[in-house]
Amino acid sequence: MNTRDFDTSASSRWLTALDRMERTTAVDPAIRVLQRGIRSLPLGGVRDLLRGGPLGHPLHPVLVQVPVGCWLSAAVVDVAVPGARRAATTLTAVGLAGVAPAAVAGWADWAELPPGQARVGLAHALASVTSVACYAGSLTARLRGRTAKGRLWALGGLAAVAMAGALGGHVAYRTTASPPETPTT
């Protein structure tokens, strides 16, 4: 088996799992309740702002750059800059502070998604919550002087962020992209 065969096989398994997730209706009652609840919030013009109206595209992907960038930077500092505990702790904290605006914008977008995308979006949200919990654990450990434990929590958080990003990318790109045009001869 060469590398290309592995990549194709892994990609196929990933897409098959996502296709199943898109089609399963087990969580639809909860999704409908959550979406209705979010849509019923009296946000006025803030809803359009949260959904990125002034930008012409969703705001959520822009806002997630803060936590993801901070947490990735903290990982680099943890690995490549010995003795930079304070910097990694600060980056972890700033990343956590950036979560709320990104999450609010994400929920505003999610409330408008059709069922298949909403199902994957819910998995994206769960992976995101997992990453936040891991980074909160990391920050707590770091502030208590338990650097190694903080790094381990951060490693778990980074894995959850990667999963959340893959799921979010699927919602944003694969399920909304137009099918490729067929060349004419």
N, C-alpha and C. Protein backbone atom coordinates (compact mmCIF):
# COMPACT_ATOMS: atom_id res chain seq x y z
N MET A 1 0.86 -1.18 0.00
CA MET A 1 0.00 0.00 0.00
C MET A 1 0.90 1.24 0.00
N ASN A 2 0.69 2.11 -0.97
CA ASN A 2 1.49 3.33 -0.98
C ASN A 2 0.75 4.45 -0.25
N THR A 3 1.43 5.59 -0.07
CA THR A 3 0.86 6.70 0.69
C THR A 3 -0.43 7.21 0.07
N ARG A 4 -0.47 7.25 -1.24
CA ARG A 4 -1.67 7.75 -1.92
C ARG A 4 -2.87 6.86 -1.63
N ASP A 5 -2.66 5.52 -1.61
CA ASP A 5 -3.76 4.60 -1.29
C ASP A 5 -4.27 4.84 0.12
N PHE A 6 -3.35 5.07 1.07
CA PHE A 6 -3.76 5.33 2.45
C PHE A 6 -4.58 6.62 2.51
N ASP A 7 -4.08 7.67 1.86
CA ASP A 7 -4.78 8.95 1.89
C ASP A 7 -6.18 8.83 1.32
N THR A 8 -6.32 8.13 0.21
CA THR A 8 -7.62 7.95 -0.42
C THR A 8 -8.54 7.14 0.48
N SER A 9 -8.01 6.09 1.08
CA SER A 9 -8.81 5.25 1.97
C SER A 9 -9.24 6.01 3.21
N ALA A 10 -8.33 6.75 3.84
CA ALA A 10 -8.68 7.53 5.03
C ALA A 10 -9.68 8.60 4.68
N SER A 11 -9.50 9.26 3.56
CA SER A 11 -10.43 10.29 3.12
C SER A 11 -11.80 9.70 2.87
N SER A 12 -11.82 8.54 2.26
CA SER A 12 -13.09 7.87 1.98
C SER A 12 -13.82 7.50 3.26
N ARG A 13 -13.09 7.00 4.25
CA ARG A 13 -13.71 6.64 5.53
C ARG A 13 -14.24 7.89 6.23
N TRP A 14 -13.49 8.98 6.19
CA TRP A 14 -13.90 10.24 6.81
C TRP A 14 -15.18 10.75 6.15
N LEU A 15 -15.19 10.78 4.83
CA LEU A 15 -16.37 11.29 4.12
C LEU A 15 -17.58 10.38 4.31
N THR A 16 -17.34 9.08 4.40
CA THR A 16 -18.44 8.15 4.66
C THR A 16 -19.04 8.40 6.04
N ALA A 17 -18.17 8.61 7.02
CA ALA A 17 -18.66 8.91 8.38
C ALA A 17 -19.46 10.22 8.40
N LEU A 18 -18.98 11.23 7.69
CA LEU A 18 -19.69 12.50 7.63
C LEU A 18 -21.03 12.36 6.90
N ASP A 19 -21.04 11.58 5.84
CA ASP A 19 -22.30 11.33 5.11
C ASP A 19 -23.33 10.66 6.03
N ARG A 20 -22.87 9.71 6.82
CA ARG A 20 -23.78 9.05 7.78
C ARG A 20 -24.30 10.05 8.81
N MET A 21 -23.40 10.90 9.29
CA MET A 21 -23.79 11.91 10.27
C MET A 21 -24.83 12.86 9.67
N GLU A 22 -24.64 13.23 8.42
CA GLU A 22 -25.59 14.13 7.76
C GLU A 22 -26.97 13.50 7.62
N ARG A 23 -27.01 12.19 7.46
CA ARG A 23 -28.29 11.51 7.21
C ARG A 23 -29.00 11.02 8.47
N THR A 24 -28.28 10.85 9.57
CA THR A 24 -28.92 10.32 10.77
C THR A 24 -29.86 11.38 11.36
N THR A 25 -31.05 10.94 11.73
CA THR A 25 -32.06 11.89 12.21
C THR A 25 -32.28 11.81 13.72
N ALA A 26 -31.46 11.04 14.41
CA ALA A 26 -31.66 10.82 15.85
C ALA A 26 -31.66 12.11 16.67
N VAL A 27 -30.86 13.07 16.29
CA VAL A 27 -30.75 14.31 17.07
C VAL A 27 -31.63 15.44 16.53
N ASP A 28 -32.39 15.16 15.49
CA ASP A 28 -33.20 16.22 14.87
C ASP A 28 -34.17 16.92 15.81
N PRO A 29 -34.86 16.21 16.71
CA PRO A 29 -35.76 16.93 17.62
C PRO A 29 -35.00 17.96 18.48
N ALA A 30 -33.85 17.58 18.99
CA ALA A 30 -33.06 18.52 19.79
C ALA A 30 -32.56 19.67 18.93
N ILE A 31 -32.14 19.38 17.72
CA ILE A 31 -31.66 20.42 16.81
C ILE A 31 -32.77 21.43 16.52
N ARG A 32 -33.97 20.93 16.24
CA ARG A 32 -35.08 21.84 15.94
C ARG A 32 -35.37 22.77 17.12
N VAL A 33 -35.37 22.22 18.34
CA VAL A 33 -35.62 23.03 19.54
C VAL A 33 -34.52 24.08 19.70
N LEU A 34 -33.27 23.67 19.58
CA LEU A 34 -32.16 24.61 19.72
C LEU A 34 -32.20 25.69 18.64
N GLN A 35 -32.43 25.30 17.41
CA GLN A 35 -32.47 26.29 16.32
C GLN A 35 -33.61 27.29 16.54
N ARG A 36 -34.79 26.79 16.89
CA ARG A 36 -35.92 27.71 17.15
C ARG A 36 -35.59 28.66 18.29
N GLY A 37 -34.99 28.12 19.35
CA GLY A 37 -34.61 28.95 20.49
C GLY A 37 -33.64 30.05 20.12
N ILE A 38 -32.63 29.71 19.34
CA ILE A 38 -31.64 30.70 18.93
C ILE A 38 -32.27 31.73 18.00
N ARG A 39 -33.09 31.25 17.06
CA ARG A 39 -33.74 32.19 16.13
C ARG A 39 -34.73 33.11 16.84
N SER A 40 -35.27 32.68 17.99
CA SER A 40 -36.25 33.51 18.70
C SER A 40 -35.61 34.57 19.61
N LEU A 41 -34.30 34.52 19.78
CA LEU A 41 -33.64 35.53 20.61
C LEU A 41 -33.82 36.90 19.96
N PRO A 42 -34.20 37.91 20.75
CA PRO A 42 -34.43 39.25 20.20
C PRO A 42 -33.12 40.00 19.95
N LEU A 43 -32.44 39.64 18.89
CA LEU A 43 -31.13 40.21 18.61
C LEU A 43 -31.18 41.42 17.68
N GLY A 44 -32.29 41.61 17.00
CA GLY A 44 -32.40 42.74 16.09
C GLY A 44 -31.30 42.73 15.05
N GLY A 45 -30.69 43.90 14.82
CA GLY A 45 -29.64 44.04 13.83
C GLY A 45 -28.35 43.34 14.19
N VAL A 46 -28.20 42.97 15.46
CA VAL A 46 -26.99 42.26 15.89
C VAL A 46 -26.91 40.90 15.21
N ARG A 47 -28.07 40.30 14.93
CA ARG A 47 -28.08 38.99 14.27
C ARG A 47 -27.37 39.09 12.92
N ASP A 48 -27.68 40.11 12.14
CA ASP A 48 -27.04 40.29 10.83
C ASP A 48 -25.54 40.50 11.00
N LEU A 49 -25.15 41.26 12.01
CA LEU A 49 -23.74 41.47 12.29
C LEU A 49 -23.06 40.16 12.66
N LEU A 50 -23.69 39.37 13.55
CA LEU A 50 -23.13 38.09 13.96
C LEU A 50 -23.00 37.12 12.79
N ARG A 51 -23.91 37.21 11.85
CA ARG A 51 -23.89 36.33 10.69
C ARG A 51 -22.97 36.86 9.59
N GLY A 52 -22.35 38.03 9.83
CA GLY A 52 -21.37 38.56 8.90
C GLY A 52 -21.94 39.38 7.76
N GLY A 53 -23.19 39.84 7.89
CA GLY A 53 -23.82 40.62 6.83
C GLY A 53 -22.95 41.74 6.28
N PRO A 54 -22.38 42.60 7.14
CA PRO A 54 -21.56 43.70 6.64
C PRO A 54 -20.30 43.21 5.89
N LEU A 55 -19.83 42.00 6.24
CA LEU A 55 -18.64 41.47 5.58
C LEU A 55 -18.96 40.79 4.25
N GLY A 56 -20.19 40.34 4.12
CA GLY A 56 -20.56 39.57 2.93
C GLY A 56 -20.24 38.10 3.05
N HIS A 57 -19.82 37.68 4.21
CA HIS A 57 -19.55 36.26 4.49
C HIS A 57 -19.63 36.06 6.00
N PRO A 58 -19.76 34.81 6.45
CA PRO A 58 -19.91 34.56 7.89
C PRO A 58 -18.77 35.14 8.72
N LEU A 59 -19.12 35.62 9.91
CA LEU A 59 -18.16 36.20 10.84
C LEU A 59 -17.44 35.12 11.66
N HIS A 60 -18.11 34.01 11.92
CA HIS A 60 -17.56 32.95 12.76
C HIS A 60 -16.15 32.51 12.34
N PRO A 61 -15.90 32.21 11.06
CA PRO A 61 -14.54 31.79 10.69
C PRO A 61 -13.48 32.85 10.96
N VAL A 62 -13.87 34.11 10.90
CA VAL A 62 -12.92 35.18 11.20
C VAL A 62 -12.61 35.18 12.70
N LEU A 63 -13.64 35.06 13.51
CA LEU A 63 -13.46 35.14 14.96
C LEU A 63 -12.73 33.94 15.56
N VAL A 64 -12.85 32.78 14.94
CA VAL A 64 -12.16 31.60 15.51
C VAL A 64 -10.65 31.70 15.35
N GLN A 65 -10.19 32.66 14.55
CA GLN A 65 -8.75 32.82 14.40
C GLN A 65 -8.08 33.18 15.72
N VAL A 66 -8.79 33.88 16.59
CA VAL A 66 -8.19 34.27 17.88
C VAL A 66 -7.91 33.05 18.75
N PRO A 67 -8.93 32.25 19.11
CA PRO A 67 -8.58 31.10 19.96
C PRO A 67 -7.66 30.10 19.27
N VAL A 68 -7.95 29.77 18.02
CA VAL A 68 -7.12 28.77 17.34
C VAL A 68 -5.68 29.27 17.20
N GLY A 69 -5.52 30.52 16.80
CA GLY A 69 -4.18 31.07 16.66
C GLY A 69 -3.42 31.11 17.98
N CYS A 70 -4.10 31.54 19.03
CA CYS A 70 -3.45 31.58 20.35
C CYS A 70 -3.05 30.20 20.81
N TRP A 71 -3.96 29.23 20.65
CA TRP A 71 -3.67 27.89 21.14
C TRP A 71 -2.59 27.19 20.33
N LEU A 72 -2.58 27.42 19.04
CA LEU A 72 -1.50 26.86 18.22
C LEU A 72 -0.17 27.51 18.59
N SER A 73 -0.20 28.81 18.81
CA SER A 73 1.01 29.51 19.23
C SER A 73 1.49 29.01 20.59
N ALA A 74 0.58 28.75 21.51
CA ALA A 74 0.96 28.22 22.82
C ALA A 74 1.64 26.86 22.66
N ALA A 75 1.16 26.05 21.73
CA ALA A 75 1.78 24.74 21.49
C ALA A 75 3.20 24.91 20.96
N VAL A 76 3.39 25.86 20.05
CA VAL A 76 4.73 26.11 19.52
C VAL A 76 5.65 26.58 20.64
N VAL A 77 5.16 27.49 21.47
CA VAL A 77 5.96 28.00 22.59
C VAL A 77 6.29 26.85 23.55
N ASP A 78 5.30 26.01 23.85
CA ASP A 78 5.55 24.88 24.74
C ASP A 78 6.65 23.97 24.22
N VAL A 79 6.67 23.74 22.92
CA VAL A 79 7.62 22.80 22.33
C VAL A 79 8.97 23.45 22.02
N ALA A 80 8.94 24.67 21.51
CA ALA A 80 10.16 25.25 20.95
C ALA A 80 10.86 26.31 21.80
N VAL A 81 10.20 26.80 22.84
CA VAL A 81 10.81 27.87 23.64
C VAL A 81 10.88 27.43 25.10
N PRO A 82 11.98 26.79 25.47
CA PRO A 82 12.11 26.34 26.86
C PRO A 82 12.02 27.53 27.83
N GLY A 83 11.33 27.31 28.91
CA GLY A 83 11.23 28.34 29.94
C GLY A 83 10.24 29.45 29.64
N ALA A 84 9.40 29.29 28.63
CA ALA A 84 8.44 30.34 28.26
C ALA A 84 7.04 30.00 28.79
N ARG A 85 7.00 29.51 30.02
CA ARG A 85 5.71 29.11 30.61
C ARG A 85 4.72 30.26 30.65
N ARG A 86 5.21 31.43 30.99
CA ARG A 86 4.32 32.59 31.11
C ARG A 86 3.66 32.92 29.76
N ALA A 87 4.43 32.86 28.69
CA ALA A 87 3.89 33.16 27.36
C ALA A 87 2.82 32.15 26.97
N ALA A 88 3.08 30.87 27.20
CA ALA A 88 2.10 29.84 26.86
C ALA A 88 0.84 30.00 27.70
N THR A 89 1.00 30.36 28.95
CA THR A 89 -0.16 30.58 29.83
C THR A 89 -0.98 31.76 29.33
N THR A 90 -0.30 32.83 28.96
CA THR A 90 -1.00 34.02 28.46
C THR A 90 -1.74 33.69 27.16
N LEU A 91 -1.10 33.00 26.25
CA LEU A 91 -1.74 32.63 24.99
C LEU A 91 -2.95 31.73 25.22
N THR A 92 -2.84 30.81 26.16
CA THR A 92 -3.97 29.94 26.49
C THR A 92 -5.14 30.77 27.02
N ALA A 93 -4.86 31.72 27.89
CA ALA A 93 -5.91 32.58 28.46
C ALA A 93 -6.55 33.46 27.41
N VAL A 94 -5.75 34.07 26.55
CA VAL A 94 -6.30 34.93 25.49
C VAL A 94 -7.16 34.10 24.54
N GLY A 95 -6.72 32.90 24.24
CA GLY A 95 -7.53 32.01 23.41
C GLY A 95 -8.89 31.73 24.03
N LEU A 96 -8.89 31.47 25.32
CA LEU A 96 -10.17 31.22 26.02
C LEU A 96 -11.05 32.47 26.00
N ALA A 97 -10.44 33.65 26.13
CA ALA A 97 -11.22 34.89 26.10
C ALA A 97 -11.85 35.12 24.72
N GLY A 98 -11.21 34.61 23.68
CA GLY A 98 -11.73 34.79 22.33
C GLY A 98 -12.82 33.81 21.93
N VAL A 99 -13.09 32.84 22.77
CA VAL A 99 -14.07 31.80 22.42
C VAL A 99 -15.49 32.35 22.36
N ALA A 100 -15.90 33.14 23.33
CA ALA A 100 -17.30 33.58 23.41
C ALA A 100 -17.79 34.28 22.15
N PRO A 101 -17.09 35.30 21.63
CA PRO A 101 -17.58 35.93 20.41
C PRO A 101 -17.67 34.96 19.23
N ALA A 102 -16.67 34.09 19.11
CA ALA A 102 -16.68 33.11 18.02
C ALA A 102 -17.86 32.15 18.16
N ALA A 103 -18.12 31.71 19.38
CA ALA A 103 -19.22 30.78 19.62
C ALA A 103 -20.57 31.43 19.34
N VAL A 104 -20.76 32.65 19.78
CA VAL A 104 -22.04 33.34 19.55
C VAL A 104 -22.29 33.50 18.05
N ALA A 105 -21.27 33.90 17.31
CA ALA A 105 -21.42 34.03 15.85
C ALA A 105 -21.69 32.67 15.21
N GLY A 106 -21.02 31.64 15.71
CA GLY A 106 -21.24 30.29 15.18
C GLY A 106 -22.65 29.80 15.41
N TRP A 107 -23.18 30.02 16.61
CA TRP A 107 -24.55 29.60 16.91
C TRP A 107 -25.56 30.36 16.06
N ALA A 108 -25.30 31.65 15.82
CA ALA A 108 -26.20 32.44 14.97
C ALA A 108 -26.24 31.87 13.55
N ASP A 109 -25.10 31.44 13.03
CA ASP A 109 -25.06 30.80 11.71
C ASP A 109 -25.75 29.44 11.75
N TRP A 110 -25.41 28.66 12.76
CA TRP A 110 -25.92 27.29 12.87
C TRP A 110 -27.45 27.25 12.91
N ALA A 111 -28.06 28.23 13.55
CA ALA A 111 -29.52 28.24 13.69
C ALA A 111 -30.24 28.31 12.35
N GLU A 112 -29.54 28.71 11.31
CA GLU A 112 -30.15 28.85 9.99
C GLU A 112 -29.81 27.69 9.05
N LEU A 113 -29.07 26.72 9.52
CA LEU A 113 -28.63 25.63 8.64
C LEU A 113 -29.74 24.61 8.40
N PRO A 114 -29.74 23.99 7.23
CA PRO A 114 -30.66 22.88 6.97
C PRO A 114 -30.22 21.65 7.78
N PRO A 115 -31.09 20.66 7.91
CA PRO A 115 -30.83 19.52 8.81
C PRO A 115 -29.48 18.83 8.64
N GLY A 116 -29.09 18.46 7.43
CA GLY A 116 -27.82 17.74 7.25
C GLY A 116 -26.63 18.52 7.76
N GLN A 117 -26.58 19.79 7.42
CA GLN A 117 -25.49 20.64 7.88
C GLN A 117 -25.59 20.88 9.38
N ALA A 118 -26.80 21.03 9.89
CA ALA A 118 -26.98 21.27 11.33
C ALA A 118 -26.49 20.08 12.15
N ARG A 119 -26.66 18.88 11.62
CA ARG A 119 -26.19 17.68 12.35
C ARG A 119 -24.67 17.70 12.48
N VAL A 120 -23.98 17.97 11.38
CA VAL A 120 -22.52 18.04 11.42
C VAL A 120 -22.10 19.26 12.24
N GLY A 121 -22.84 20.35 12.12
CA GLY A 121 -22.54 21.55 12.90
C GLY A 121 -22.65 21.31 14.40
N LEU A 122 -23.60 20.47 14.80
CA LEU A 122 -23.71 20.14 16.22
C LEU A 122 -22.49 19.34 16.69
N ALA A 123 -22.01 18.43 15.85
CA ALA A 123 -20.79 17.70 16.19
C ALA A 123 -19.60 18.66 16.27
N HIS A 124 -19.56 19.63 15.37
CA HIS A 124 -18.52 20.68 15.40
C HIS A 124 -18.58 21.43 16.74
N ALA A 125 -19.79 21.77 17.17
CA ALA A 125 -19.94 22.50 18.44
C ALA A 125 -19.48 21.64 19.61
N LEU A 126 -19.82 20.36 19.60
CA LEU A 126 -19.40 19.47 20.69
C LEU A 126 -17.88 19.33 20.75
N ALA A 127 -17.24 19.23 19.58
CA ALA A 127 -15.77 19.16 19.55
C ALA A 127 -15.19 20.48 20.04
N SER A 128 -15.83 21.58 19.70
CA SER A 128 -15.37 22.90 20.16
C SER A 128 -15.49 23.03 21.68
N VAL A 129 -16.60 22.56 22.23
CA VAL A 129 -16.79 22.59 23.69
C VAL A 129 -15.72 21.73 24.36
N THR A 130 -15.41 20.60 23.76
CA THR A 130 -14.36 19.73 24.30
C THR A 130 -13.03 20.46 24.31
N SER A 131 -12.73 21.18 23.23
CA SER A 131 -11.46 21.91 23.19
C SER A 131 -11.42 23.00 24.25
N VAL A 132 -12.53 23.70 24.45
CA VAL A 132 -12.58 24.75 25.48
C VAL A 132 -12.37 24.14 26.86
N ALA A 133 -13.00 23.01 27.12
CA ALA A 133 -12.83 22.35 28.41
C ALA A 133 -11.37 21.94 28.63
N CYS A 134 -10.74 21.42 27.58
CA CYS A 134 -9.33 21.04 27.70
C CYS A 134 -8.45 22.25 27.96
N TYR A 135 -8.70 23.34 27.24
CA TYR A 135 -7.87 24.53 27.45
C TYR A 135 -8.15 25.19 28.79
N ALA A 136 -9.37 25.10 29.28
CA ALA A 136 -9.65 25.59 30.64
C ALA A 136 -8.88 24.75 31.66
N GLY A 137 -8.84 23.45 31.44
CA GLY A 137 -8.03 22.57 32.30
C GLY A 137 -6.55 22.91 32.20
N SER A 138 -6.10 23.21 30.98
CA SER A 138 -4.70 23.58 30.77
C SER A 138 -4.37 24.87 31.52
N LEU A 139 -5.23 25.87 31.39
CA LEU A 139 -4.97 27.14 32.05
C LEU A 139 -4.94 26.97 33.57
N THR A 140 -5.89 26.21 34.09
CA THR A 140 -5.95 25.96 35.53
C THR A 140 -4.66 25.30 36.00
N ALA A 141 -4.23 24.27 35.28
CA ALA A 141 -2.99 23.57 35.66
C ALA A 141 -1.79 24.50 35.58
N ARG A 142 -1.71 25.28 34.52
CA ARG A 142 -0.58 26.20 34.35
C ARG A 142 -0.54 27.23 35.48
N LEU A 143 -1.70 27.78 35.82
CA LEU A 143 -1.74 28.79 36.88
C LEU A 143 -1.38 28.20 38.25
N ARG A 144 -1.55 26.91 38.39
CA ARG A 144 -1.18 26.23 39.65
C ARG A 144 0.26 25.72 39.62
N GLY A 145 0.98 26.07 38.54
CA GLY A 145 2.38 25.67 38.45
C GLY A 145 2.59 24.26 37.94
N ARG A 146 1.56 23.64 37.45
CA ARG A 146 1.66 22.26 36.94
C ARG A 146 1.79 22.30 35.42
N THR A 147 2.96 22.74 34.98
CA THR A 147 3.20 22.98 33.56
C THR A 147 3.02 21.73 32.71
N ALA A 148 3.55 20.61 33.13
CA ALA A 148 3.44 19.38 32.34
C ALA A 148 1.97 18.98 32.17
N LYS A 149 1.22 19.08 33.24
CA LYS A 149 -0.21 18.76 33.17
C LYS A 149 -0.92 19.76 32.24
N GLY A 150 -0.55 21.02 32.32
CA GLY A 150 -1.12 22.04 31.44
C GLY A 150 -0.84 21.75 29.98
N ARG A 151 0.37 21.30 29.70
CA ARG A 151 0.73 20.94 28.32
C ARG A 151 -0.09 19.75 27.84
N LEU A 152 -0.29 18.78 28.70
CA LEU A 152 -1.09 17.60 28.30
C LEU A 152 -2.54 17.99 28.00
N TRP A 153 -3.11 18.83 28.87
CA TRP A 153 -4.48 19.31 28.61
C TRP A 153 -4.52 20.07 27.29
N ALA A 154 -3.50 20.88 27.04
CA ALA A 154 -3.46 21.66 25.80
C ALA A 154 -3.34 20.75 24.58
N LEU A 155 -2.58 19.68 24.71
CA LEU A 155 -2.45 18.73 23.60
C LEU A 155 -3.82 18.12 23.26
N GLY A 156 -4.55 17.74 24.30
CA GLY A 156 -5.91 17.23 24.07
C GLY A 156 -6.80 18.30 23.45
N GLY A 157 -6.66 19.53 23.92
CA GLY A 157 -7.43 20.63 23.37
C GLY A 157 -7.12 20.87 21.91
N LEU A 158 -5.83 20.78 21.56
CA LEU A 158 -5.44 20.99 20.17
C LEU A 158 -6.00 19.89 19.27
N ALA A 159 -6.03 18.67 19.76
CA ALA A 159 -6.64 17.57 18.99
C ALA A 159 -8.13 17.84 18.78
N ALA A 160 -8.81 18.30 19.81
CA ALA A 160 -10.24 18.62 19.69
C ALA A 160 -10.47 19.79 18.74
N VAL A 161 -9.57 20.78 18.78
CA VAL A 161 -9.67 21.92 17.85
C VAL A 161 -9.52 21.43 16.41
N ALA A 162 -8.59 20.52 16.19
CA ALA A 162 -8.40 19.98 14.83
C ALA A 162 -9.67 19.28 14.36
N MET A 163 -10.28 18.50 15.22
CA MET A 163 -11.52 17.81 14.85
C MET A 163 -12.63 18.82 14.60
N ALA A 164 -12.74 19.81 15.47
CA ALA A 164 -13.77 20.84 15.29
C ALA A 164 -13.55 21.58 13.97
N GLY A 165 -12.31 21.88 13.65
CA GLY A 165 -12.01 22.56 12.40
C GLY A 165 -12.37 21.72 11.19
N ALA A 166 -12.07 20.43 11.25
CA ALA A 166 -12.41 19.56 10.13
C ALA A 166 -13.93 19.47 9.95
N LEU A 167 -14.65 19.36 11.05
CA LEU A 167 -16.12 19.31 10.96
C LEU A 167 -16.68 20.65 10.48
N GLY A 168 -16.17 21.74 11.01
CA GLY A 168 -16.62 23.06 10.59
C GLY A 168 -16.32 23.32 9.13
N GLY A 169 -15.15 22.90 8.69
CA GLY A 169 -14.80 23.04 7.27
C GLY A 169 -15.75 22.25 6.39
N HIS A 170 -16.13 21.08 6.85
CA HIS A 170 -17.08 20.27 6.09
C HIS A 170 -18.41 21.00 5.96
N VAL A 171 -18.89 21.56 7.06
CA VAL A 171 -20.16 22.30 7.02
C VAL A 171 -20.04 23.48 6.07
N ALA A 172 -18.95 24.21 6.17
CA ALA A 172 -18.80 25.44 5.40
C ALA A 172 -18.51 25.21 3.92
N TYR A 173 -17.75 24.20 3.61
CA TYR A 173 -17.28 24.06 2.24
C TYR A 173 -17.88 22.89 1.48
N ARG A 174 -17.79 21.70 2.01
CA ARG A 174 -18.25 20.55 1.23
C ARG A 174 -19.75 20.56 1.03
N THR A 175 -20.49 20.85 2.07
CA THR A 175 -21.95 20.75 1.96
C THR A 175 -22.58 21.98 1.33
N THR A 176 -21.84 23.08 1.19
CA THR A 176 -22.42 24.27 0.59
C THR A 176 -21.84 24.58 -0.78
N ALA A 177 -20.78 23.89 -1.13
CA ALA A 177 -20.13 24.18 -2.41
C ALA A 177 -21.00 23.72 -3.56
N SER A 178 -20.94 24.48 -4.61
CA SER A 178 -21.66 24.08 -5.82
C SER A 178 -20.94 22.90 -6.44
N PRO A 179 -21.70 22.01 -7.08
CA PRO A 179 -21.01 20.89 -7.74
C PRO A 179 -20.13 21.43 -8.86
N PRO A 180 -19.02 20.76 -9.11
CA PRO A 180 -18.12 21.24 -10.15
C PRO A 180 -18.83 21.25 -11.50
N GLU A 181 -18.49 22.23 -12.30
CA GLU A 181 -19.09 22.30 -13.62
C GLU A 181 -18.52 21.23 -14.49
N THR A 182 -19.37 20.69 -15.37
CA THR A 182 -18.92 19.68 -16.32
C THR A 182 -18.39 20.39 -17.55
N PRO A 183 -17.16 20.06 -17.94
CA PRO A 183 -16.60 20.73 -19.12
C PRO A 183 -17.43 20.39 -20.36
N THR A 184 -17.58 21.36 -21.19
CA THR A 184 -18.30 21.13 -22.46
C THR A 184 -17.29 20.88 -23.55
N THR A 185 -17.67 20.07 -24.51
CA THR A 185 -16.74 19.77 -25.61
C THR A 185 -17.18 20.38 -26.89
